[in-house]
């Protein structure tokens, strides 16, 4: 169950970084003091998404086996 919450949290973190970068790009404001933290919000979830996605899939398969037994 924790993996589902972690996956949603990572996706929302990625989206918040992406939205912030798009906002600053539209405004043509390239101040590094804003870009670096938002790039961090955009990039770091990418390292964990695949492993958390696998965990979500394995917990789903385990739950499906329990239901059919």
N, C-alpha and C. Protein backbone atom coordinates (compact mmCIF):
# COMPACT_ATOMS: atom_id res chain seq x y z
N UNK A 1 0.81 -1.19 0.00
CA UNK A 1 0.00 0.00 0.00
C UNK A 1 0.86 1.27 0.00
N UNK A 2 1.99 1.23 0.73
CA UNK A 2 2.85 2.41 0.79
C UNK A 2 3.37 2.78 -0.59
N UNK A 3 3.57 1.77 -1.43
CA UNK A 3 4.15 2.04 -2.75
C UNK A 3 3.20 2.86 -3.62
N UNK A 4 1.91 2.68 -3.44
CA UNK A 4 0.95 3.46 -4.21
C UNK A 4 1.01 4.94 -3.81
N UNK A 5 1.10 5.20 -2.51
CA UNK A 5 1.22 6.58 -2.04
C UNK A 5 2.55 7.19 -2.47
N UNK A 6 3.62 6.39 -2.42
CA UNK A 6 4.93 6.88 -2.84
C UNK A 6 4.92 7.21 -4.33
N UNK A 7 4.26 6.38 -5.12
CA UNK A 7 4.20 6.62 -6.56
C UNK A 7 3.45 7.92 -6.86
N UNK A 8 2.32 8.12 -6.21
CA UNK A 8 1.55 9.35 -6.41
C UNK A 8 2.37 10.56 -5.96
N UNK A 9 3.06 10.43 -4.85
CA UNK A 9 3.89 11.52 -4.35
C UNK A 9 5.00 11.88 -5.34
N UNK A 10 5.66 10.87 -5.91
CA UNK A 10 6.72 11.12 -6.88
C UNK A 10 6.18 11.78 -8.15
N UNK A 11 5.03 11.33 -8.61
CA UNK A 11 4.42 11.92 -9.81
C UNK A 11 4.06 13.38 -9.55
N UNK A 12 3.46 13.67 -8.40
CA UNK A 12 3.08 15.05 -8.09
C UNK A 12 4.30 15.95 -7.92
N UNK A 13 5.38 15.41 -7.35
CA UNK A 13 6.61 16.18 -7.21
C UNK A 13 7.19 16.51 -8.58
N UNK A 14 7.20 15.51 -9.47
CA UNK A 14 7.68 15.72 -10.84
C UNK A 14 6.84 16.80 -11.53
N UNK A 15 5.52 16.71 -11.38
CA UNK A 15 4.63 17.68 -12.02
C UNK A 15 4.83 19.09 -11.48
N UNK A 16 5.06 19.21 -10.19
CA UNK A 16 5.27 20.55 -9.62
C UNK A 16 6.54 21.18 -10.16
N UNK A 17 7.60 20.40 -10.29
CA UNK A 17 8.83 20.92 -10.87
C UNK A 17 8.64 21.30 -12.32
N UNK A 18 7.91 20.48 -13.06
CA UNK A 18 7.66 20.76 -14.47
C UNK A 18 6.83 22.03 -14.64
N UNK A 19 5.78 22.17 -13.85
CA UNK A 19 4.94 23.36 -13.94
C UNK A 19 5.73 24.63 -13.61
N UNK A 20 6.57 24.55 -12.60
CA UNK A 20 7.37 25.72 -12.24
C UNK A 20 8.33 26.10 -13.36
N UNK A 21 8.98 25.11 -13.95
CA UNK A 21 9.92 25.41 -15.04
C UNK A 21 9.20 25.97 -16.26
N UNK A 22 8.03 25.45 -16.56
CA UNK A 22 7.26 25.99 -17.68
C UNK A 22 6.85 27.43 -17.40
N UNK A 23 6.44 27.70 -16.17
CA UNK A 23 6.07 29.07 -15.79
C UNK A 23 7.23 30.03 -15.98
N UNK A 24 8.41 29.65 -15.48
CA UNK A 24 9.57 30.54 -15.60
C UNK A 24 10.02 30.65 -17.05
N UNK A 25 9.81 29.62 -17.85
CA UNK A 25 10.16 29.69 -19.27
C UNK A 25 9.22 30.64 -20.01
N UNK A 26 7.94 30.56 -19.72
CA UNK A 26 6.97 31.45 -20.37
C UNK A 26 7.28 32.90 -20.02
N UNK A 27 7.68 33.15 -18.79
CA UNK A 27 8.02 34.52 -18.37
C UNK A 27 9.40 34.94 -18.84
N UNK A 28 10.15 34.03 -19.45
CA UNK A 28 11.52 34.28 -19.90
C UNK A 28 12.41 34.76 -18.75
N UNK A 29 12.22 34.13 -17.60
CA UNK A 29 13.01 34.45 -16.41
C UNK A 29 13.94 33.27 -16.15
N UNK A 30 15.22 33.48 -16.34
CA UNK A 30 16.19 32.39 -16.22
C UNK A 30 17.12 32.59 -15.03
N UNK A 31 16.55 32.94 -13.91
CA UNK A 31 17.32 33.12 -12.68
C UNK A 31 17.62 31.75 -12.09
N UNK A 32 18.90 31.44 -11.91
CA UNK A 32 19.30 30.11 -11.43
C UNK A 32 18.82 29.82 -10.01
N UNK A 33 18.57 30.84 -9.22
CA UNK A 33 18.08 30.60 -7.86
C UNK A 33 16.68 29.98 -7.86
N UNK A 34 15.93 30.14 -8.95
CA UNK A 34 14.63 29.48 -9.09
C UNK A 34 14.75 28.19 -9.88
N UNK A 35 15.61 28.18 -10.86
CA UNK A 35 15.69 27.03 -11.74
C UNK A 35 16.29 25.80 -11.07
N UNK A 36 17.32 25.97 -10.28
CA UNK A 36 18.00 24.81 -9.67
C UNK A 36 17.06 24.03 -8.75
N UNK A 37 16.34 24.66 -7.81
CA UNK A 37 15.42 23.87 -6.98
C UNK A 37 14.31 23.20 -7.78
N UNK A 38 13.83 23.88 -8.81
CA UNK A 38 12.75 23.29 -9.61
C UNK A 38 13.27 22.17 -10.51
N UNK A 39 14.49 22.29 -10.99
CA UNK A 39 15.09 21.17 -11.73
C UNK A 39 15.27 19.97 -10.81
N UNK A 40 15.62 20.22 -9.57
CA UNK A 40 15.74 19.14 -8.59
C UNK A 40 14.40 18.45 -8.40
N UNK A 41 13.33 19.23 -8.27
CA UNK A 41 11.99 18.64 -8.13
C UNK A 41 11.59 17.84 -9.37
N UNK A 42 12.09 18.24 -10.51
CA UNK A 42 11.76 17.55 -11.76
C UNK A 42 12.57 16.27 -11.93
N UNK A 43 13.84 16.29 -11.53
CA UNK A 43 14.75 15.19 -11.85
C UNK A 43 14.75 14.08 -10.81
N UNK A 44 14.78 14.42 -9.52
CA UNK A 44 14.99 13.37 -8.53
C UNK A 44 13.88 12.31 -8.49
N UNK A 45 12.61 12.61 -8.76
CA UNK A 45 11.63 11.52 -8.78
C UNK A 45 11.90 10.48 -9.88
N UNK A 46 12.55 10.90 -10.94
CA UNK A 46 12.80 9.99 -12.06
C UNK A 46 13.67 8.80 -11.65
N UNK A 47 14.54 9.00 -10.66
CA UNK A 47 15.41 7.92 -10.21
C UNK A 47 14.64 6.85 -9.43
N UNK A 48 13.51 7.20 -8.86
CA UNK A 48 12.77 6.28 -8.00
C UNK A 48 11.48 5.76 -8.62
N UNK A 49 11.01 6.37 -9.69
CA UNK A 49 9.72 5.98 -10.27
C UNK A 49 9.69 4.52 -10.71
N UNK A 50 10.75 4.07 -11.36
CA UNK A 50 10.75 2.71 -11.89
C UNK A 50 10.69 1.67 -10.77
N UNK A 51 11.48 1.86 -9.73
CA UNK A 51 11.47 0.88 -8.64
C UNK A 51 10.15 0.90 -7.87
N UNK A 52 9.59 2.08 -7.66
CA UNK A 52 8.30 2.16 -6.96
C UNK A 52 7.19 1.58 -7.83
N UNK A 53 7.27 1.78 -9.13
CA UNK A 53 6.28 1.21 -10.05
C UNK A 53 6.32 -0.31 -9.99
N UNK A 54 7.52 -0.87 -9.94
CA UNK A 54 7.64 -2.34 -9.82
C UNK A 54 7.02 -2.82 -8.52
N UNK A 55 7.27 -2.09 -7.45
CA UNK A 55 6.70 -2.45 -6.15
C UNK A 55 5.18 -2.39 -6.19
N UNK A 56 4.63 -1.41 -6.86
CA UNK A 56 3.17 -1.32 -7.01
C UNK A 56 2.65 -2.53 -7.77
N UNK A 57 3.35 -2.92 -8.82
CA UNK A 57 2.93 -4.06 -9.62
C UNK A 57 3.02 -5.36 -8.84
N UNK A 58 4.09 -5.53 -8.06
CA UNK A 58 4.23 -6.77 -7.30
C UNK A 58 3.20 -6.85 -6.19
N UNK A 59 2.87 -5.72 -5.56
CA UNK A 59 1.84 -5.75 -4.52
C UNK A 59 0.47 -6.01 -5.13
N UNK A 60 0.26 -5.53 -6.35
CA UNK A 60 -1.01 -5.79 -7.03
C UNK A 60 -1.14 -7.27 -7.35
N UNK A 61 -0.06 -7.89 -7.84
CA UNK A 61 -0.10 -9.32 -8.16
C UNK A 61 -0.31 -10.15 -6.90
N UNK A 62 0.33 -9.76 -5.81
CA UNK A 62 0.17 -10.48 -4.55
C UNK A 62 -1.27 -10.39 -4.07
N UNK A 63 -1.87 -9.21 -4.16
CA UNK A 63 -3.26 -9.04 -3.73
C UNK A 63 -4.21 -9.84 -4.62
N UNK A 64 -3.92 -9.91 -5.91
CA UNK A 64 -4.78 -10.67 -6.82
C UNK A 64 -4.70 -12.16 -6.50
N UNK A 65 -3.51 -12.65 -6.15
CA UNK A 65 -3.38 -14.07 -5.79
C UNK A 65 -4.17 -14.37 -4.53
N UNK A 66 -4.14 -13.47 -3.56
CA UNK A 66 -4.87 -13.69 -2.32
C UNK A 66 -6.37 -13.73 -2.56
N UNK A 67 -6.87 -12.93 -3.49
CA UNK A 67 -8.30 -12.89 -3.76
C UNK A 67 -8.78 -14.17 -4.41
N UNK A 68 -7.95 -14.78 -5.25
CA UNK A 68 -8.38 -15.98 -5.96
C UNK A 68 -8.15 -17.25 -5.17
N UNK A 69 -7.49 -17.18 -4.04
CA UNK A 69 -7.23 -18.39 -3.25
C UNK A 69 -8.28 -18.58 -2.21
